[in-house]
Protein backbone atom coordinates (compact mmCIF):
# COMPACT_ATOMS: atom_id res chain seq x y z
CA UNK A 1 9.06 -36.63 -87.04
CA UNK A 2 9.52 -33.03 -87.47
CA UNK A 3 12.34 -31.36 -89.17
CA UNK A 4 13.57 -28.57 -90.51
CA UNK A 5 16.52 -27.35 -92.68
CA UNK A 6 18.75 -24.06 -93.12
CA UNK A 7 21.23 -23.15 -94.62
CA UNK A 8 24.95 -20.77 -94.89
CA UNK A 9 27.45 -20.62 -97.53
CA UNK A 10 29.55 -22.66 -96.32
CA UNK A 11 27.08 -25.48 -95.16
CA UNK A 12 23.24 -27.36 -94.98
CA UNK A 13 21.97 -27.30 -91.53
CA UNK A 14 19.50 -30.13 -90.34
CA UNK A 15 17.44 -30.73 -87.66
CA UNK A 16 14.98 -33.67 -86.81
CA UNK A 17 12.94 -34.41 -83.94
CA UNK A 18 11.50 -37.65 -83.63
CA UNK A 19 8.77 -39.47 -81.73
CA UNK A 20 9.93 -43.13 -80.97
CA UNK A 21 8.95 -45.11 -77.72
CA UNK A 22 11.29 -47.46 -77.92
CA UNK A 23 14.46 -46.01 -79.77
CA UNK A 24 16.89 -48.77 -81.19
CA UNK A 25 19.97 -47.07 -81.67
CA UNK A 26 23.61 -48.22 -81.38
CA UNK A 27 26.26 -47.65 -79.06
CA UNK A 28 28.30 -44.64 -79.81
CA UNK A 29 31.91 -46.95 -79.57
CA UNK A 30 30.64 -48.58 -82.70
CA UNK A 31 33.64 -48.78 -85.66
CA UNK A 32 33.38 -45.93 -88.16
CA UNK A 33 30.92 -46.12 -90.76
CA UNK A 34 29.03 -49.14 -89.03
CA UNK A 35 25.79 -49.76 -90.94
CA UNK A 36 23.22 -47.49 -88.48
CA UNK A 37 20.76 -47.15 -91.20
CA UNK A 38 20.04 -50.63 -90.05
CA UNK A 39 18.19 -49.44 -86.94
CA UNK A 40 16.41 -46.40 -86.48
CA UNK A 41 18.26 -42.64 -87.25
CA UNK A 42 18.16 -40.44 -90.28
CA UNK A 43 19.46 -41.26 -94.25
CA UNK A 44 20.21 -38.20 -95.97
CA UNK A 45 21.01 -38.58 -99.63
CA UNK A 46 22.15 -35.53 -101.75
CA UNK A 47 23.62 -35.23 -105.82
CA UNK A 48 24.91 -31.93 -106.36
CA UNK A 49 21.50 -31.74 -109.12
CA UNK A 50 19.49 -34.72 -111.05
CA UNK A 51 22.32 -35.50 -113.47
CA UNK A 52 25.39 -35.65 -111.29
CA UNK A 53 26.96 -38.85 -111.39
CA UNK A 54 27.48 -38.96 -107.83
CA UNK A 55 25.22 -39.11 -105.26
CA UNK A 56 26.40 -38.68 -101.36
CA UNK A 57 24.47 -40.30 -98.10
CA UNK A 58 24.80 -39.60 -94.82
CA UNK A 59 23.40 -41.75 -92.28
CA UNK A 60 23.17 -41.46 -88.65
CA UNK A 61 21.69 -42.61 -85.54
CA UNK A 62 19.76 -41.58 -82.40
CA UNK A 63 23.21 -41.14 -80.38
CA UNK A 64 24.86 -39.36 -83.14
CA UNK A 65 26.89 -42.44 -85.07
CA UNK A 66 28.08 -41.56 -88.14
CA UNK A 67 27.62 -43.39 -91.12
CA UNK A 68 28.98 -41.66 -94.49
CA UNK A 69 29.71 -42.82 -97.99
CA UNK A 70 30.05 -41.42 -101.93
CA UNK A 71 28.01 -43.38 -104.67
CA UNK A 72 29.64 -42.79 -108.18
CA UNK A 73 27.66 -44.32 -111.32
CA UNK A 74 29.62 -46.19 -113.69
CA UNK A 75 28.36 -48.21 -116.06
CA UNK A 76 30.62 -51.94 -117.68
CA UNK A 77 30.67 -54.81 -116.19
CA UNK A 78 32.02 -53.46 -112.94
CA UNK A 79 28.49 -52.09 -112.42
CA UNK A 80 26.90 -52.90 -108.76
CA UNK A 81 23.58 -51.09 -107.11
CA UNK A 82 22.09 -50.36 -110.61
CA UNK A 83 24.93 -48.53 -111.56
CA UNK A 84 26.54 -47.09 -108.91
CA UNK A 85 29.96 -47.84 -106.91
CA UNK A 86 29.74 -47.15 -103.12
CA UNK A 87 33.06 -45.83 -101.76
CA UNK A 88 32.50 -45.86 -98.00
CA UNK A 89 36.15 -44.74 -97.06
CA UNK A 90 35.06 -41.18 -98.38
CA UNK A 91 34.57 -38.55 -95.36
CA UNK A 92 31.78 -36.03 -95.14
CA UNK A 93 33.39 -33.82 -92.62
CA UNK A 94 30.13 -33.82 -91.01
CA UNK A 95 29.54 -32.10 -87.16
CA UNK A 96 26.42 -34.31 -85.57
CA UNK A 97 25.06 -33.46 -82.03
CA UNK A 98 22.34 -36.77 -81.06
CA UNK A 99 20.47 -36.61 -77.76
CA UNK A 100 18.30 -39.58 -77.08
CA UNK A 101 15.19 -39.12 -74.42
CA UNK A 102 14.94 -42.57 -72.99
CA UNK A 103 17.09 -45.70 -73.37
CA UNK A 104 19.00 -46.12 -76.57
CA UNK A 105 18.40 -49.76 -77.33
CA UNK A 106 16.02 -50.92 -74.13
CA UNK A 107 12.59 -52.45 -75.39
CA UNK A 108 11.56 -53.31 -71.56
CA UNK A 109 11.15 -49.85 -71.39
CA UNK A 110 9.80 -47.02 -72.78
CA UNK A 111 11.05 -44.07 -74.53
CA UNK A 112 10.01 -40.32 -76.01
CA UNK A 113 12.49 -39.36 -78.64
CA UNK A 114 15.52 -38.33 -80.35
CA UNK A 115 16.69 -34.75 -81.02
CA UNK A 116 19.63 -35.29 -84.10
CA UNK A 117 21.35 -32.18 -85.36
CA UNK A 118 23.81 -32.57 -88.56
CA UNK A 119 26.21 -29.44 -90.30
CA UNK A 120 27.22 -30.85 -93.96
CA UNK A 121 30.19 -28.21 -95.36
CA UNK A 122 29.12 -28.01 -98.93
CA UNK A 123 33.23 -28.74 -99.84
CA UNK A 124 32.66 -32.09 -99.58
CA UNK A 125 29.78 -32.57 -100.93
CA UNK A 126 29.97 -30.34 -104.23
CA UNK A 127 31.83 -30.78 -107.29
CA UNK A 128 35.78 -29.98 -107.03
CA UNK A 129 34.87 -29.23 -103.35
CA UNK A 130 33.38 -25.59 -104.61
CA UNK A 131 32.46 -24.42 -100.77
CA UNK A 132 29.58 -21.95 -101.19
CA UNK A 133 26.13 -22.10 -102.72
CA UNK A 134 24.08 -19.44 -103.93
CA UNK A 135 20.69 -18.47 -103.57
CA UNK A 136 18.34 -20.55 -106.67
CA UNK A 137 20.66 -23.64 -106.18
CA UNK A 138 19.28 -26.49 -106.93
CA UNK A 139 19.98 -30.11 -105.29
CA UNK A 140 18.80 -33.51 -105.52
CA UNK A 141 17.95 -35.18 -102.38
CA UNK A 142 15.70 -37.57 -100.10
CA UNK A 143 15.80 -37.64 -95.92
CA UNK A 144 14.85 -40.63 -94.29
CA UNK A 145 13.79 -41.20 -90.81
CA UNK A 146 14.61 -44.63 -90.52
CA UNK A 147 12.42 -46.76 -88.07
CA UNK A 148 14.27 -50.79 -87.54
CA UNK A 149 12.42 -51.91 -90.84
CA UNK A 150 10.35 -49.21 -91.84
CA UNK A 151 11.12 -45.91 -93.44
CA UNK A 152 9.42 -42.81 -94.14
CA UNK A 153 10.94 -40.99 -96.76
CA UNK A 154 10.74 -37.45 -98.19
CA UNK A 155 11.05 -37.26 -102.25
CA UNK A 156 9.59 -39.66 -104.22
CA UNK A 157 6.59 -42.04 -102.70
CA UNK A 158 7.02 -43.82 -106.51
CA UNK A 159 10.25 -45.91 -105.10
CA UNK A 160 9.45 -48.28 -102.49
CA UNK A 161 12.24 -48.06 -99.92
CA UNK A 162 15.80 -49.37 -99.97
CA UNK A 163 17.87 -50.26 -103.38
CA UNK A 164 19.91 -47.79 -105.39
CA UNK A 165 16.84 -46.89 -107.96
CA UNK A 166 17.05 -44.35 -104.95
CA UNK A 167 19.98 -42.78 -106.10
CA UNK A 168 17.96 -41.76 -109.64
CA UNK A 169 15.01 -40.65 -108.15
CA UNK A 170 15.60 -37.97 -105.85
CA UNK A 171 13.02 -34.83 -104.61
CA UNK A 172 14.22 -31.49 -105.55
CA UNK A 173 15.86 -29.10 -102.36
CA UNK A 174 15.95 -25.62 -104.34
CA UNK A 175 17.83 -22.64 -102.13
CA UNK A 176 16.02 -19.36 -100.81
CA UNK A 177 16.91 -16.55 -99.03
């Protein structure tokens, strides 16, 4: 897989090209927020900083099916997922374009892979809906390419794939001019 990121004052842009001889994504007609992270695709976890009490999850299937949610750090008897509460109803406003080179979810042939491009608006993932970022802004993040039961993560190799402990050990993304 090969990925690139760019940013503007309004959005974070993520592009990924994945070579995959058996693309196993989801149909486009699934309900919003179907669990696309259980098959092939891309997953992005973002926190405004390491100490933030909220984390944003954006998962996309090879054909562009979107799953987005927000996690809030909580304590007490209602704490689940290692102290994180997931809000699937949250809307990211992410724009997605996906293209599969081959056939989606057809193991009888050989595929080439897929390309995904995302535009993540800052105003939905920043405290108080701030609309712009500046050079030197620092974010905690993890970018994962998912391939059924396997995943390749950019962030931390100290945490096994899956599990809410990933939300506490994200890598750092620094915006540069």
